Amino acid sequence: MPHARIIYNPTSGRETMKKQLPYILNRLEVAGYIASAHMTKEEGCAKRAARTAGQEGFDLVIAAGGDGTIFEVVNGLAELPERPKLGIIPAGTTNDLARALGLHHNNLEQICDVLTNNRTTPLDIGQVGNQYFMNIAAAGSLTELTYDTPSRLKTMMGHLAYYMKGFEKLRSLKPRTVHIEYDGKIFEGEIMMFLIANTNSVGGFEKLAPNASYNDGMFDMIIVKKTNLPEVVRLGMKALNGEHLEDERILYVQANRIKVSINSDMELNLDGEYGGMLPAEFVNLYHHFDMLAPPAEEENEATRN
């Protein structure tokens, strides 16, 4: 019989996972799995648990929690030569990968249907040195707010926690000079931020990088060129409606390998987590995981909604 391991964050999604766990384990066992669970206790715990499960030959590893938990699980499995199927139970604040896949975080029955129907889709991931990401890699003052927001505040206040920290960050926004190489092309100049997207859901917004796909072997990169604070706010309003890509201050390109150099310190954000400091090179690992996903029509419906 196949073995499944759930790695769950007990504080995600206003701490609902602990209540839902018996139902999820039962659904997996009815579907023929020998199912077990590992509760995370500290930073890095999910990564270690995922690596152990992969090394022990588990057929399916399920990350249950927010994007941070999924980030750790992916990093625990990414370097293994033989990787188990990957499933997710979204229970966080933004749930970007779940949105891109068409999973509704408030529909536990649908999520368990996906975990037990054995339908997979290939998933690209990004590599930066010895780290990996599924959704985004970004740098700039605005991007720092995601890993600068305390986890307890995110649990209590959801998206509002991000917005509160974002308003604080706006005051210190300043341009940085960068040199960016992407698939043989070069951008050089002052920017407010850059964002490398692997899915079309970024911070819960599907219109920021609307053409991004998690299995096409390409990143979608957005560069916000030097501008002032009022224009940054206007660009933000345009982005909510998907009208920002035609703006002259935006460069929007696709590439599968991107190298970023900078003349000063800049922190890197990987899927909302601290990813070290620039410079860095980003490589798209094509179809690196087999991901449990809903039928294509459900994915398309979720994207339209």
Protein backbone atom coordinates (compact mmCIF):
# COMPACT_ATOMS: atom_id res chain seq x y z
CA MET A 1 0.00 0.00 0.00
CA PRO A 2 1.23 3.56 -0.74
CA HIS A 3 2.31 5.76 2.15
CA ALA A 4 1.31 9.40 2.63
CA ARG A 5 2.78 11.88 5.10
CA ILE A 6 1.02 15.13 6.01
CA ILE A 7 3.35 17.86 7.26
CA TYR A 8 1.20 20.53 8.86
CA ASN A 9 1.61 23.87 10.57
CA PRO A 10 -0.77 23.99 13.54
CA THR A 11 -0.88 27.82 13.56
CA SER A 12 -1.86 28.33 9.90
CA GLY A 13 -5.33 29.45 8.83
CA ARG A 14 -6.36 30.69 12.26
CA GLU A 15 -5.30 27.31 13.66
CA THR A 16 -7.96 25.22 11.85
CA MET A 17 -5.66 22.40 10.73
CA LYS A 18 -5.73 20.59 14.07
CA LYS A 19 -9.52 20.25 13.85
CA GLN A 20 -9.48 19.10 10.22
CA LEU A 21 -6.67 16.56 10.52
CA PRO A 22 -8.79 13.49 11.52
CA TYR A 23 -11.08 14.00 8.49
CA ILE A 24 -8.11 14.36 6.13
CA LEU A 25 -6.34 11.27 7.46
CA ASN A 26 -9.55 9.24 7.15
CA ARG A 27 -10.05 10.34 3.53
CA LEU A 28 -6.51 9.26 2.66
CA GLU A 29 -6.92 5.90 4.37
CA VAL A 30 -10.24 5.23 2.60
CA ALA A 31 -8.42 5.98 -0.67
CA GLY A 32 -5.89 3.25 0.11
CA TYR A 33 -3.02 5.14 1.72
CA ILE A 34 -1.25 4.34 4.95
CA ALA A 35 -1.42 7.92 6.23
CA SER A 36 0.46 9.70 9.00
CA ALA A 37 1.05 13.28 10.09
CA HIS A 38 3.92 15.41 11.36
CA MET A 39 3.20 18.65 13.23
CA THR A 40 5.79 21.39 12.75
CA LYS A 41 7.22 22.94 15.89
CA GLU A 42 9.78 25.48 14.72
CA GLU A 43 11.34 27.11 11.67
CA GLY A 44 12.96 24.48 9.46
CA CYS A 45 10.92 21.63 10.94
CA ALA A 46 8.80 21.15 7.80
CA LYS A 47 11.90 21.06 5.61
CA ARG A 48 13.55 18.38 7.73
CA ALA A 49 10.35 16.31 7.96
CA ALA A 50 9.84 16.46 4.18
CA ARG A 51 13.40 15.36 3.45
CA THR A 52 13.06 12.45 5.88
CA ALA A 53 9.76 11.36 4.32
CA GLY A 54 11.30 11.50 0.85
CA GLN A 55 14.36 9.53 1.91
CA GLU A 56 12.18 6.90 3.58
CA GLY A 57 10.29 6.31 0.34
CA PHE A 58 6.91 7.91 1.03
CA ASP A 59 4.79 7.97 -2.13
CA LEU A 60 3.03 11.23 -1.29
CA VAL A 61 4.04 14.21 0.86
CA ILE A 62 1.34 16.78 1.64
CA ALA A 63 2.22 20.29 2.85
CA ALA A 64 -0.62 21.65 4.99
CA GLY A 65 -0.33 25.28 5.92
CA GLY A 66 0.53 28.59 4.31
CA ASP A 67 3.00 29.38 1.57
CA GLY A 68 5.82 29.31 4.15
CA THR A 69 5.09 25.68 5.05
CA ILE A 70 4.91 24.70 1.37
CA PHE A 71 8.18 26.56 0.78
CA GLU A 72 9.92 24.48 3.45
CA VAL A 73 8.47 21.18 2.20
CA VAL A 74 9.56 21.91 -1.37
CA ASN A 75 13.04 22.83 -0.17
CA GLY A 76 13.20 19.58 1.78
CA LEU A 77 12.32 17.48 -1.26
CA ALA A 78 13.80 19.42 -4.20
CA GLU A 79 17.32 17.96 -4.10
CA LEU A 80 16.27 14.31 -3.73
CA PRO A 81 16.95 12.20 -6.84
CA GLU A 82 13.61 10.39 -6.39
CA ARG A 83 10.84 12.72 -5.23
CA PRO A 84 7.39 11.73 -3.97
CA LYS A 85 4.22 13.22 -5.40
CA LEU A 86 3.46 16.58 -3.83
CA GLY A 87 0.09 17.64 -2.44
CA ILE A 88 -0.98 20.78 -0.60
CA ILE A 89 -3.71 21.74 1.83
CA PRO A 90 -3.86 25.56 1.75
CA ALA A 91 -4.41 27.05 5.19
CA GLY A 92 -2.43 30.28 5.10
CA THR A 93 -2.99 33.96 4.43
CA THR A 94 -2.42 34.18 0.67
CA ASN A 95 -2.15 30.58 -0.62
CA ASP A 96 -0.59 31.58 -3.94
CA LEU A 97 0.26 28.11 -5.22
CA ALA A 98 -3.19 26.83 -4.29
CA ARG A 99 -4.81 29.70 -6.18
CA ALA A 100 -2.72 28.98 -9.25
CA LEU A 101 -3.70 25.30 -9.11
CA GLY A 102 -7.40 26.07 -8.65
CA LEU A 103 -7.66 24.85 -5.06
CA HIS A 104 -10.18 26.65 -2.86
CA HIS A 105 -8.77 26.94 0.64
CA ASN A 106 -12.22 26.95 2.29
CA ASN A 107 -13.46 23.77 0.57
CA LEU A 108 -11.93 20.88 2.50
CA GLU A 109 -13.97 18.26 0.65
CA GLN A 110 -12.66 19.47 -2.73
CA ILE A 111 -9.10 19.53 -1.41
CA CYS A 112 -9.39 15.93 -0.17
CA ASP A 113 -10.89 14.91 -3.53
CA VAL A 114 -7.74 16.27 -5.18
CA LEU A 115 -5.47 14.48 -2.69
CA THR A 116 -7.16 11.13 -3.34
CA ASN A 117 -7.94 11.13 -7.08
CA ASN A 118 -4.27 10.67 -8.06
CA ARG A 119 -4.45 13.24 -10.88
CA THR A 120 -1.11 15.01 -11.22
CA THR A 121 0.21 17.97 -13.14
CA PRO A 122 3.89 18.89 -13.63
CA LEU A 123 5.19 21.76 -11.49
CA ASP A 124 8.22 23.92 -12.29
CA ILE A 125 10.18 25.40 -9.42
CA GLY A 126 12.86 28.05 -9.27
CA GLN A 127 16.36 27.48 -7.95
CA VAL A 128 18.55 30.16 -6.35
CA GLY A 129 21.82 28.66 -5.16
CA ASN A 130 20.80 25.94 -2.71
CA GLN A 131 17.28 27.32 -2.21
CA TYR A 132 14.06 26.75 -4.16
CA PHE A 133 10.77 28.59 -4.68
CA MET A 134 7.38 27.85 -6.26
CA ASN A 135 5.72 31.25 -6.59
CA ILE A 136 7.95 34.31 -6.49
CA ALA A 137 11.42 35.67 -5.99
CA ALA A 138 11.58 39.40 -5.45
CA ALA A 139 13.67 42.21 -4.04
CA GLY A 140 13.02 45.83 -3.15
CA SER A 141 11.59 47.76 -0.23
CA LEU A 142 8.00 46.74 -0.89
CA THR A 143 8.77 43.03 -1.08
CA GLU A 144 10.34 43.00 2.38
CA LEU A 145 6.97 43.38 4.07
CA THR A 146 5.99 39.71 3.63
CA TYR A 147 8.78 38.19 5.71
CA ASP A 148 8.83 41.23 8.03
CA THR A 149 5.25 40.58 9.19
CA PRO A 150 5.16 38.54 12.43
CA SER A 151 3.54 35.12 11.99
CA ARG A 152 1.22 35.63 14.95
CA LEU A 153 -0.04 38.88 13.41
CA LYS A 154 -0.66 37.08 10.09
CA THR A 155 -2.62 34.37 11.90
CA MET A 156 -4.82 36.90 13.70
CA MET A 157 -5.36 39.50 11.00
CA GLY A 158 -4.87 37.82 7.61
CA HIS A 159 -4.24 40.14 4.64
CA LEU A 160 -4.69 43.24 6.81
CA ALA A 161 -1.40 42.43 8.52
CA TYR A 162 0.44 42.71 5.20
CA TYR A 163 -1.23 46.00 4.31
CA MET A 164 -0.33 47.53 7.68
CA LYS A 165 3.33 46.63 7.24
CA GLY A 166 3.19 47.79 3.62
CA PHE A 167 2.19 51.32 4.57
CA GLU A 168 5.19 51.47 6.91
CA LYS A 169 7.55 50.32 4.15
CA LEU A 170 6.30 52.94 1.67
CA ARG A 171 7.98 55.67 3.69
CA SER A 172 11.43 54.16 3.15
CA LEU A 173 11.04 53.29 -0.55
CA LYS A 174 14.15 54.16 -2.58
CA PRO A 175 15.60 53.08 -5.96
CA ARG A 176 18.58 50.72 -6.35
CA THR A 177 20.93 50.32 -9.30
CA VAL A 178 20.91 46.82 -10.76
CA HIS A 179 22.35 44.82 -13.63
CA ILE A 180 19.96 42.08 -14.77
CA GLU A 181 20.77 39.47 -17.43
CA TYR A 182 17.91 37.35 -18.72
CA ASP A 183 18.21 34.79 -21.54
CA GLY A 184 20.96 36.74 -23.31
CA LYS A 185 19.42 40.20 -22.79
CA ILE A 186 20.45 42.92 -20.32
CA PHE A 187 18.65 45.54 -18.25
CA GLU A 188 20.73 48.06 -16.36
CA GLY A 189 19.48 51.00 -14.34
CA GLU A 190 17.70 52.16 -11.20
CA ILE A 191 14.65 50.21 -10.08
CA MET A 192 12.16 50.26 -7.24
CA MET A 193 11.79 46.47 -7.24
CA PHE A 194 11.88 43.36 -9.39
CA LEU A 195 9.65 40.33 -9.15
CA ILE A 196 10.17 36.90 -10.72
CA ALA A 197 6.89 34.96 -10.86
CA ASN A 198 6.43 31.25 -11.46
CA THR A 199 2.63 31.30 -11.06
CA ASN A 200 -0.09 33.79 -11.93
CA SER A 201 -0.94 34.35 -8.26
CA VAL A 202 1.32 36.85 -6.51
CA GLY A 203 0.37 37.91 -3.01
CA GLY A 204 -3.18 36.78 -3.71
CA PHE A 205 -3.49 38.85 -6.91
CA GLU A 206 -3.91 37.03 -10.23
CA LYS A 207 -3.46 40.11 -12.46
CA LEU A 208 0.04 41.13 -11.40
CA ALA A 209 1.79 38.56 -13.63
CA PRO A 210 -1.21 37.31 -15.61
CA ASN A 211 0.72 35.25 -18.18
CA ALA A 212 2.79 33.30 -15.67
CA SER A 213 2.38 29.52 -15.72
CA TYR A 214 3.68 26.96 -13.24
CA ASN A 215 4.62 24.38 -15.91
CA ASP A 216 5.85 26.22 -19.02
CA GLY A 217 9.55 26.26 -18.10
CA MET A 218 9.61 30.07 -17.95
CA PHE A 219 9.62 32.80 -15.32
CA ASP A 220 7.64 36.01 -15.78
CA MET A 221 9.73 38.96 -14.58
CA ILE A 222 8.38 42.39 -13.67
CA ILE A 223 10.81 45.28 -13.18
CA VAL A 224 9.49 48.53 -11.71
CA LYS A 225 11.83 51.26 -12.91
CA LYS A 226 12.82 54.30 -10.85
CA THR A 227 9.87 56.51 -9.99
CA ASN A 228 8.48 58.53 -7.09
CA LEU A 229 6.16 57.50 -4.29
CA PRO A 230 2.92 58.90 -5.77
CA GLU A 231 3.61 57.05 -9.04
CA VAL A 232 4.30 53.82 -7.14
CA VAL A 233 0.88 54.15 -5.53
CA ARG A 234 -0.73 54.77 -8.94
CA LEU A 235 1.04 51.74 -10.37
CA GLY A 236 -0.29 49.72 -7.48
CA MET A 237 -3.84 50.80 -8.30
CA LYS A 238 -3.30 49.91 -11.96
CA ALA A 239 -1.97 46.50 -10.97
CA LEU A 240 -5.17 45.66 -9.12
CA ASN A 241 -6.98 45.84 -12.47
CA GLY A 242 -4.19 44.35 -14.58
CA GLU A 243 -3.52 47.69 -16.29
CA HIS A 244 0.11 48.12 -15.17
CA LEU A 245 1.89 46.10 -17.85
CA GLU A 246 1.57 48.78 -20.52
CA ASP A 247 3.03 51.49 -18.28
CA GLU A 248 6.44 52.84 -19.39
CA ARG A 249 7.83 52.32 -15.89
CA ILE A 250 7.19 48.57 -16.11
CA LEU A 251 9.31 45.99 -17.93
CA TYR A 252 7.53 42.63 -18.27
CA VAL A 253 9.49 39.77 -19.85
CA GLN A 254 9.74 35.97 -19.81
CA ALA A 255 12.97 34.03 -19.26
CA ASN A 256 14.11 30.71 -17.82
CA ARG A 257 17.43 31.97 -16.40
CA ILE A 258 17.91 35.36 -14.72
CA LYS A 259 21.02 36.82 -13.07
CA VAL A 260 20.76 39.91 -10.86
CA SER A 261 23.73 42.01 -9.67
CA ILE A 262 23.46 45.12 -7.49
CA ASN A 263 25.76 47.89 -6.26
CA SER A 264 24.44 47.82 -2.68
CA ASP A 265 22.79 45.52 -0.17
CA MET A 266 19.36 44.16 -1.10
CA GLU A 267 17.47 41.36 0.61
CA LEU A 268 15.88 38.62 -1.45
CA ASN A 269 12.33 37.40 -0.83
CA LEU A 270 11.52 33.79 -1.79
CA ASP A 271 7.83 32.88 -1.52
CA GLY A 272 7.39 35.41 1.28
CA GLU A 273 10.42 34.18 3.23
CA TYR A 274 13.86 35.72 3.71
CA GLY A 275 16.07 34.33 0.94
CA GLY A 276 19.45 35.89 1.69
CA MET A 277 21.15 38.76 -0.10
CA LEU A 278 21.74 39.63 -3.74
CA PRO A 279 23.50 39.03 -6.14
CA ALA A 280 21.77 35.85 -7.26
CA GLU A 281 21.02 33.67 -10.28
CA PHE A 282 17.52 32.22 -10.79
CA VAL A 283 17.06 29.03 -12.80
CA ASN A 284 13.74 27.46 -13.80
CA LEU A 285 13.68 23.69 -13.09
CA TYR A 286 11.21 22.40 -15.66
CA HIS A 287 8.60 19.88 -14.42
CA HIS A 288 10.57 19.18 -11.24
CA PHE A 289 7.58 17.86 -9.25
CA ASP A 290 4.45 15.82 -9.93
CA MET A 291 1.77 17.84 -8.18
CA LEU A 292 -1.71 16.65 -7.22
CA ALA A 293 -4.18 19.02 -8.83
CA PRO A 294 -7.88 19.32 -9.71
CA PRO A 295 -9.12 18.63 -13.26
CA ALA A 296 -8.11 21.26 -15.80
CA GLU A 297 -11.62 22.68 -16.07
CA GLU A 298 -11.62 23.39 -12.34
CA GLU A 299 -8.24 25.13 -12.62
CA ASN A 300 -9.55 27.31 -15.45
CA GLU A 301 -12.72 28.14 -13.52
CA ALA A 302 -10.70 29.16 -10.47
CA THR A 303 -8.52 31.42 -12.64
CA ARG A 304 -11.58 33.11 -14.13
CA ASN A 305 -12.97 33.71 -10.65
